[in-house]
Amino acid sequence: MLQQTQLQVVLPYWQRWMARFPRLEALAAAEEHDVLLLWQGLGYYARARRLHQGAQVLLDAARPATDPWPRDLEGWLALPGIGRSTAGSILSSAFDRPHPILDGNVKRVLARLIASPRPPARELAGLWQLSETLLDPQRPRAFNQALMDLGATVCTPRNPRCGVCPWQGHCAAYAAGDPAAYPVKDAPRDLPFQVIGVGVVRNAAGEVLIDQRLNEGLLGGLWEFPGGKQEPGEAIEATICRELQEELAIAVEVGEELITLEHAYSHKKLRFVVHLCTWLAGEPQPLASQQVRWVRPEQLGEFPFPAANARIIAALLERLAVSDAQAG
């Protein structure tokens, strides 16, 4: 959970997660739908799917049921989503085994320690070797925890507290006079921008059409309102009609705009233009998704959606409440 997410955000999610899945067996036996719903709001949903899959792999492995946890690097690296640093962190933290780590905080500390002239991503082999060299083999748990804490509380990205750093006298970045200039960064790149037309499709019974994404990519397995990328020179209403025909094999009448919102991911920026739509013809088919479903608007909270969709749901429920009040 702490990968890509800060502690203060993670804590309530972790508490709910542990209450729902207190043991490995509970997580392994859970439905993916429930796992994703509990994760909703944390983002990077592949992490939740990999935790779920990892629990199942651990229980299927030929280890004692009373102790299914690997004690070697290879055993952890065999699990989905576990890389060398996470595996080393688990082994040192849980079992006090002498394995180095190289998370974001540690990369920054070590890059400053040697005043690395290249960005950490281009110096991984050297930073791994340094982390392994520095590791105290007699106290790997305490050392790795101290190294992470040093980066989190002292050797911070901005305004590092060099005056209280125990490594000040050995730090090449401090000796150079500008520790905050390290780690060296690559030139920022412009993120691609896309406009997405989204249709909130309702039928005569007042139900809303949603579809479940394929189990791939950052948002795999989540539910969403159907839509897709606007083509150059295409009106957004035409985008919605085309995408719903291509992805769901349905014809709709595009009505008024419900909401426009922007959402930034690590690799692109999106603008969602959302319109209310009326279903005209065609039985919805999951041509580009796992499944489609008609649901009552008040049931939308029972499905895991990407973060951007939460505002769409809120706008829809508010619009329906206003309509009901006016009708009454």
Foldseek 3Di string as FASTA:
>chain_A
DVVVDDPVVCVVLVVVVCVQDVDLVSLQPDDLFVQLLSCFPVFLCVVSVQSNQQSVVLCPDPDDPVDSDDLDLVVQVVGPPDDQQNSQLCNCQVPVALGFHDDPLLLLVQCQLVVPPAACVVCVVVSRVVRSVPADRVRNNVVRVVSSVCSVPAVDLPPHNLVPDPCNVRGPNVVVPHSNCPPPDDDDDDAAEWEKEFEQEAEPVQWTKKFAADQDDSRHGFIDGWIGTDDPPDDSQVRRQVRCCVQFVFGKAWDAWQDWDWDDDPRHIYIYTYTYIYTDDDDTDRNRHDDMDTGHLVCPSSGRHHPVCVVVSVSVVVVVVVVVVVVD
